[in-house]
Amino acid sequence: MTNDARIALMQRLLVIAMRNASVEAICEAAALSEEAGSPELAAELRGIVVNRDDAELGLG
């Protein structure tokens, strides 16, 4: 497994794990991801919050 494949796998696992995390924890992880140079991961993490909000409002 290449380093890029390992990184991609770890990012997917992080997103899965963060689905049950608090909004604050997700936002902190997104900010750290962006600082670390991974805006795509940050956007995916922020998407968890948006999807959760939509579900709570009955929009999704």
PDB file of N, CA and C in Angstrom:
ATOM      1  N   MET A   1       0.862  -1.172   0.000  1.00  0.00           N
ATOM      2  CA  MET A   1       0.000   0.000   0.000  1.00  0.00           C
ATOM      3  C   MET A   1       0.906   1.233   0.000  1.00  0.00           C
ATOM      4  N   THR A   2       0.635   2.140  -0.910  1.00  0.00           N
ATOM      5  CA  THR A   2       1.436   3.358  -0.989  1.00  0.00           C
ATOM      6  C   THR A   2       1.070   4.315   0.140  1.00  0.00           C
ATOM      7  N   ASN A   3       1.925   5.278   0.366  1.00  0.00           N
ATOM      8  CA  ASN A   3       1.635   6.284   1.396  1.00  0.00           C
ATOM      9  C   ASN A   3       0.363   7.054   1.072  1.00  0.00           C
ATOM     10  N   ASP A   4       0.160   7.387  -0.189  1.00  0.00           N
ATOM     11  CA  ASP A   4      -1.061   8.104  -0.581  1.00  0.00           C
ATOM     12  C   ASP A   4      -2.304   7.271  -0.292  1.00  0.00           C
ATOM     13  N   ALA A   5      -2.227   5.975  -0.544  1.00  0.00           N
ATOM     14  CA  ALA A   5      -3.365   5.094  -0.264  1.00  0.00           C
ATOM     15  C   ALA A   5      -3.604   5.007   1.243  1.00  0.00           C
ATOM     16  N   ARG A   6      -2.551   4.963   2.028  1.00  0.00           N
ATOM     17  CA  ARG A   6      -2.698   4.940   3.491  1.00  0.00           C
ATOM     18  C   ARG A   6      -3.348   6.225   3.993  1.00  0.00           C
ATOM     19  N   ILE A   7      -2.900   7.344   3.463  1.00  0.00           N
ATOM     20  CA  ILE A   7      -3.466   8.639   3.869  1.00  0.00           C
ATOM     21  C   ILE A   7      -4.945   8.700   3.508  1.00  0.00           C
ATOM     22  N   ALA A   8      -5.296   8.273   2.304  1.00  0.00           N
ATOM     23  CA  ALA A   8      -6.692   8.282   1.866  1.00  0.00           C
ATOM     24  C   ALA A   8      -7.539   7.386   2.772  1.00  0.00           C
ATOM     25  N   LEU A   9      -7.014   6.224   3.124  1.00  0.00           N
ATOM     26  CA  LEU A   9      -7.738   5.310   4.010  1.00  0.00           C
ATOM     27  C   LEU A   9      -7.939   5.945   5.387  1.00  0.00           C
ATOM     28  N   MET A  10      -6.912   6.545   5.927  1.00  0.00           N
ATOM     29  CA  MET A  10      -7.017   7.183   7.243  1.00  0.00           C
ATOM     30  C   MET A  10      -8.012   8.345   7.211  1.00  0.00           C
ATOM     31  N   GLN A  11      -8.038   9.082   6.126  1.00  0.00           N
ATOM     32  CA  GLN A  11      -8.998  10.183   6.002  1.00  0.00           C
ATOM     33  C   GLN A  11     -10.422   9.643   5.984  1.00  0.00           C
ATOM     34  N   ARG A  12     -10.661   8.564   5.259  1.00  0.00           N
ATOM     35  CA  ARG A  12     -12.005   7.974   5.216  1.00  0.00           C
ATOM     36  C   ARG A  12     -12.412   7.470   6.594  1.00  0.00           C
ATOM     37  N   LEU A  13     -11.475   6.834   7.297  1.00  0.00           N
ATOM     38  CA  LEU A  13     -11.768   6.340   8.640  1.00  0.00           C
ATOM     39  C   LEU A  13     -12.076   7.491   9.589  1.00  0.00           C
ATOM     40  N   LEU A  14     -11.356   8.598   9.442  1.00  0.00           N
ATOM     41  CA  LEU A  14     -11.622   9.771  10.281  1.00  0.00           C
ATOM     42  C   LEU A  14     -13.030  10.291  10.035  1.00  0.00           C
ATOM     43  N   VAL A  15     -13.417  10.401   8.788  1.00  0.00           N
ATOM     44  CA  VAL A  15     -14.757  10.896   8.458  1.00  0.00           C
ATOM     45  C   VAL A  15     -15.819   9.977   9.048  1.00  0.00           C
ATOM     46  N   ILE A  16     -15.625   8.675   8.938  1.00  0.00           N
ATOM     47  CA  ILE A  16     -16.591   7.725   9.498  1.00  0.00           C
ATOM     48  C   ILE A  16     -16.666   7.887  11.011  1.00  0.00           C
ATOM     49  N   ALA A  17     -15.528   7.988  11.653  1.00  0.00           N
ATOM     50  CA  ALA A  17     -15.502   8.119  13.116  1.00  0.00           C
ATOM     51  C   ALA A  17     -16.126   9.425  13.582  1.00  0.00           C
ATOM     52  N   MET A  18     -15.975  10.474  12.807  1.00  0.00           N
ATOM     53  CA  MET A  18     -16.458  11.782  13.215  1.00  0.00           C
ATOM     54  C   MET A  18     -17.973  11.934  13.062  1.00  0.00           C
ATOM     55  N   ARG A  19     -18.624  11.010  12.389  1.00  0.00           N
ATOM     56  CA  ARG A  19     -20.078  11.120  12.181  1.00  0.00           C
ATOM     57  C   ARG A  19     -20.850  11.164  13.492  1.00  0.00           C
ATOM     58  N   ASN A  20     -20.310  10.556  14.533  1.00  0.00           N
ATOM     59  CA  ASN A  20     -20.993  10.541  15.822  1.00  0.00           C
ATOM     60  C   ASN A  20     -20.381  11.527  16.817  1.00  0.00           C
ATOM     61  N   ALA A  21     -19.453  12.321  16.371  1.00  0.00           N
ATOM     62  CA  ALA A  21     -18.778  13.281  17.249  1.00  0.00           C
ATOM     63  C   ALA A  21     -19.618  14.546  17.411  1.00  0.00           C
ATOM     64  N   SER A  22     -19.249  15.339  18.390  1.00  0.00           N
ATOM     65  CA  SER A  22     -19.948  16.611  18.599  1.00  0.00           C
ATOM     66  C   SER A  22     -19.621  17.570  17.460  1.00  0.00           C
ATOM     67  N   VAL A  23     -20.482  18.544  17.289  1.00  0.00           N
ATOM     68  CA  VAL A  23     -20.258  19.555  16.255  1.00  0.00           C
ATOM     69  C   VAL A  23     -18.930  20.270  16.510  1.00  0.00           C
ATOM     70  N   GLU A  24     -18.644  20.561  17.774  1.00  0.00           N
ATOM     71  CA  GLU A  24     -17.396  21.249  18.109  1.00  0.00           C
ATOM     72  C   GLU A  24     -16.182  20.416  17.708  1.00  0.00           C
ATOM     73  N   ALA A  25     -16.225  19.117  17.976  1.00  0.00           N
ATOM     74  CA  ALA A  25     -15.109  18.237  17.627  1.00  0.00           C
ATOM     75  C   ALA A  25     -14.931  18.142  16.116  1.00  0.00           C
ATOM     76  N   ILE A  26     -16.039  18.066  15.400  1.00  0.00           N
ATOM     77  CA  ILE A  26     -15.972  17.993  13.940  1.00  0.00           C
ATOM     78  C   ILE A  26     -15.365  19.280  13.384  1.00  0.00           C
ATOM     79  N   CYS A  27     -15.817  20.419  13.889  1.00  0.00           N
ATOM     80  CA  CYS A  27     -15.300  21.700  13.401  1.00  0.00           C
ATOM     81  C   CYS A  27     -13.817  21.861  13.724  1.00  0.00           C
ATOM     82  N   GLU A  28     -13.409  21.396  14.886  1.00  0.00           N
ATOM     83  CA  GLU A  28     -11.988  21.459  15.249  1.00  0.00           C
ATOM     84  C   GLU A  28     -11.157  20.569  14.325  1.00  0.00           C
ATOM     85  N   ALA A  29     -11.654  19.365  14.047  1.00  0.00           N
ATOM     86  CA  ALA A  29     -10.951  18.458  13.134  1.00  0.00           C
ATOM     87  C   ALA A  29     -10.877  19.062  11.736  1.00  0.00           C
ATOM     88  N   ALA A  30     -11.945  19.726  11.310  1.00  0.00           N
ATOM     89  CA  ALA A  30     -11.947  20.372   9.995  1.00  0.00           C
ATOM     90  C   ALA A  30     -10.922  21.496   9.948  1.00  0.00           C
ATOM     91  N   ALA A  31     -10.860  22.295  10.988  1.00  0.00           N
ATOM     92  CA  ALA A  31      -9.891  23.394  11.032  1.00  0.00           C
ATOM     93  C   ALA A  31      -8.466  22.856  11.017  1.00  0.00           C
ATOM     94  N   LEU A  32      -8.198  21.819  11.784  1.00  0.00           N
ATOM     95  CA  LEU A  32      -6.863  21.216  11.797  1.00  0.00           C
ATOM     96  C   LEU A  32      -6.514  20.611  10.443  1.00  0.00           C
ATOM     97  N   SER A  33      -7.490  20.000   9.799  1.00  0.00           N
ATOM     98  CA  SER A  33      -7.256  19.421   8.476  1.00  0.00           C
ATOM     99  C   SER A  33      -6.895  20.495   7.470  1.00  0.00           C
ATOM    100  N   GLU A  34      -7.595  21.613   7.554  1.00  0.00           N
ATOM    101  CA  GLU A  34      -7.301  22.714   6.635  1.00  0.00           C
ATOM    102  C   GLU A  34      -5.902  23.276   6.894  1.00  0.00           C
ATOM    103  N   GLU A  35      -5.562  23.454   8.165  1.00  0.00           N
ATOM    104  CA  GLU A  35      -4.228  23.942   8.517  1.00  0.00           C
ATOM    105  C   GLU A  35      -3.138  22.992   8.037  1.00  0.00           C
ATOM    106  N   ALA A  36      -3.443  21.690   8.036  1.00  0.00           N
ATOM    107  CA  ALA A  36      -2.476  20.681   7.616  1.00  0.00           C
ATOM    108  C   ALA A  36      -2.389  20.560   6.099  1.00  0.00           C
ATOM    109  N   GLY A  37      -3.181  21.347   5.383  1.00  0.00           N
ATOM    110  CA  GLY A  37      -3.103  21.343   3.921  1.00  0.00           C
ATOM    111  C   GLY A  37      -4.055  20.377   3.251  1.00  0.00           C
ATOM    112  N   SER A  38      -5.148  20.048   3.909  1.00  0.00           N
ATOM    113  CA  SER A  38      -6.126  19.139   3.318  1.00  0.00           C
ATOM    114  C   SER A  38      -7.513  19.782   3.299  1.00  0.00           C
ATOM    115  N   PRO A  39      -7.713  20.763   2.402  1.00  0.00           N
ATOM    116  CA  PRO A  39      -9.011  21.428   2.346  1.00  0.00           C
ATOM    117  C   PRO A  39     -10.149  20.490   1.931  1.00  0.00           C
ATOM    118  N   GLU A  40      -9.831  19.448   1.152  1.00  0.00           N
ATOM    119  CA  GLU A  40     -10.873  18.502   0.746  1.00  0.00           C
ATOM    120  C   GLU A  40     -11.414  17.744   1.950  1.00  0.00           C
ATOM    121  N   LEU A  41     -10.519  17.310   2.838  1.00  0.00           N
ATOM    122  CA  LEU A  41     -10.949  16.611   4.042  1.00  0.00           C
ATOM    123  C   LEU A  41     -11.723  17.557   4.949  1.00  0.00           C
ATOM    124  N   ALA A  42     -11.254  18.790   5.068  1.00  0.00           N
ATOM    125  CA  ALA A  42     -11.954  19.784   5.891  1.00  0.00           C
ATOM    126  C   ALA A  42     -13.381  19.982   5.379  1.00  0.00           C
ATOM    127  N   ALA A  43     -13.540  20.080   4.075  1.00  0.00           N
ATOM    128  CA  ALA A  43     -14.868  20.264   3.491  1.00  0.00           C
ATOM    129  C   ALA A  43     -15.758  19.051   3.753  1.00  0.00           C
ATOM    130  N   GLU A  44     -15.190  17.874   3.660  1.00  0.00           N
ATOM    131  CA  GLU A  44     -15.977  16.663   3.909  1.00  0.00           C
ATOM    132  C   GLU A  44     -16.419  16.604   5.372  1.00  0.00           C
ATOM    133  N   LEU A  45     -15.535  16.989   6.277  1.00  0.00           N
ATOM    134  CA  LEU A  45     -15.896  17.010   7.691  1.00  0.00           C
ATOM    135  C   LEU A  45     -16.993  18.042   7.958  1.00  0.00           C
ATOM    136  N   ARG A  46     -16.859  19.216   7.370  1.00  0.00           N
ATOM    137  CA  ARG A  46     -17.894  20.239   7.549  1.00  0.00           C
ATOM    138  C   ARG A  46     -19.229  19.779   6.969  1.00  0.00           C
ATOM    139  N   GLY A  47     -19.162  18.974   5.927  1.00  0.00           N
ATOM    140  CA  GLY A  47     -20.375  18.427   5.331  1.00  0.00           C
ATOM    141  C   GLY A  47     -21.160  17.551   6.294  1.00  0.00           C
ATOM    142  N   ILE A  48     -20.456  16.893   7.226  1.00  0.00           N
ATOM    143  CA  ILE A  48     -21.142  16.090   8.238  1.00  0.00           C
ATOM    144  C   ILE A  48     -22.066  16.980   9.055  1.00  0.00           C
ATOM    145  N   VAL A  49     -21.573  18.151   9.439  1.00  0.00           N
ATOM    146  CA  VAL A  49     -22.367  19.078  10.247  1.00  0.00           C
ATOM    147  C   VAL A  49     -23.569  19.563   9.448  1.00  0.00           C
ATOM    148  N   VAL A  50     -23.362  19.913   8.200  1.00  0.00           N
ATOM    149  CA  VAL A  50     -24.452  20.394   7.351  1.00  0.00           C
ATOM    150  C   VAL A  50     -25.509  19.306   7.182  1.00  0.00           C
ATOM    151  N   ASN A  51     -25.069  18.091   6.898  1.00  0.00           N
ATOM    152  CA  ASN A  51     -26.017  16.986   6.719  1.00  0.00           C
ATOM    153  C   ASN A  51     -26.783  16.707   8.003  1.00  0.00           C
ATOM    154  N   ARG A  52     -26.100  16.797   9.134  1.00  0.00           N
ATOM    155  CA  ARG A  52     -26.762  16.562  10.424  1.00  0.00           C
ATOM    156  C   ARG A  52     -27.803  17.649  10.674  1.00  0.00           C
ATOM    157  N   ASP A  53     -27.439  18.900  10.397  1.00  0.00           N
ATOM    158  CA  ASP A  53     -28.386  20.008  10.569  1.00  0.00           C
ATOM    159  C   ASP A  53     -29.596  19.844   9.662  1.00  0.00           C
ATOM    160  N   ASP A  54     -29.351  19.464   8.402  1.00  0.00           N
ATOM    161  CA  ASP A  54     -30.454  19.252   7.468  1.00  0.00           C
ATOM    162  C   ASP A  54     -31.388  18.144   7.963  1.00  0.00           C
ATOM    163  N   ALA A  55     -30.814  17.075   8.485  1.00  0.00           N
ATOM    164  CA  ALA A  55     -31.627  15.962   8.973  1.00  0.00           C
ATOM    165  C   ALA A  55     -32.477  16.395  10.172  1.00  0.00           C
ATOM    166  N   GLU A  56     -31.872  17.186  11.051  1.00  0.00           N
ATOM    167  CA  GLU A  56     -32.612  17.657  12.220  1.00  0.00           C
ATOM    168  C   GLU A  56     -33.756  18.595  11.836  1.00  0.00           C
ATOM    169  N   LEU A  57     -33.585  19.298  10.724  1.00  0.00           N
ATOM    170  CA  LEU A  57     -34.625  20.208  10.252  1.00  0.00           C
ATOM    171  C   LEU A  57     -35.630  19.512   9.333  1.00  0.00           C
ATOM    172  N   GLY A  58     -35.403  18.228   9.069  1.00  0.00           N
ATOM    173  CA  GLY A  58     -36.294  17.477   8.201  1.00  0.00           C
ATOM    174  C   GLY A  58     -36.066  17.750   6.732  1.00  0.00           C
ATOM    175  N   LEU A  59     -34.871  18.247   6.398  1.00  0.00           N
ATOM    176  CA  LEU A  59     -34.568  18.585   5.005  1.00  0.00           C
ATOM    177  C   LEU A  59     -33.795  17.485   4.284  1.00  0.00           C
ATOM    178  N   GLY A  60     -33.322  16.502   5.002  1.00  0.00           N
ATOM    179  CA  GLY A  60     -32.490  15.519   4.335  1.00  0.00           C
ATOM    180  C   GLY A  60     -32.632  14.140   4.767  1.00  0.00           C
TER     181      GLY A  60
END
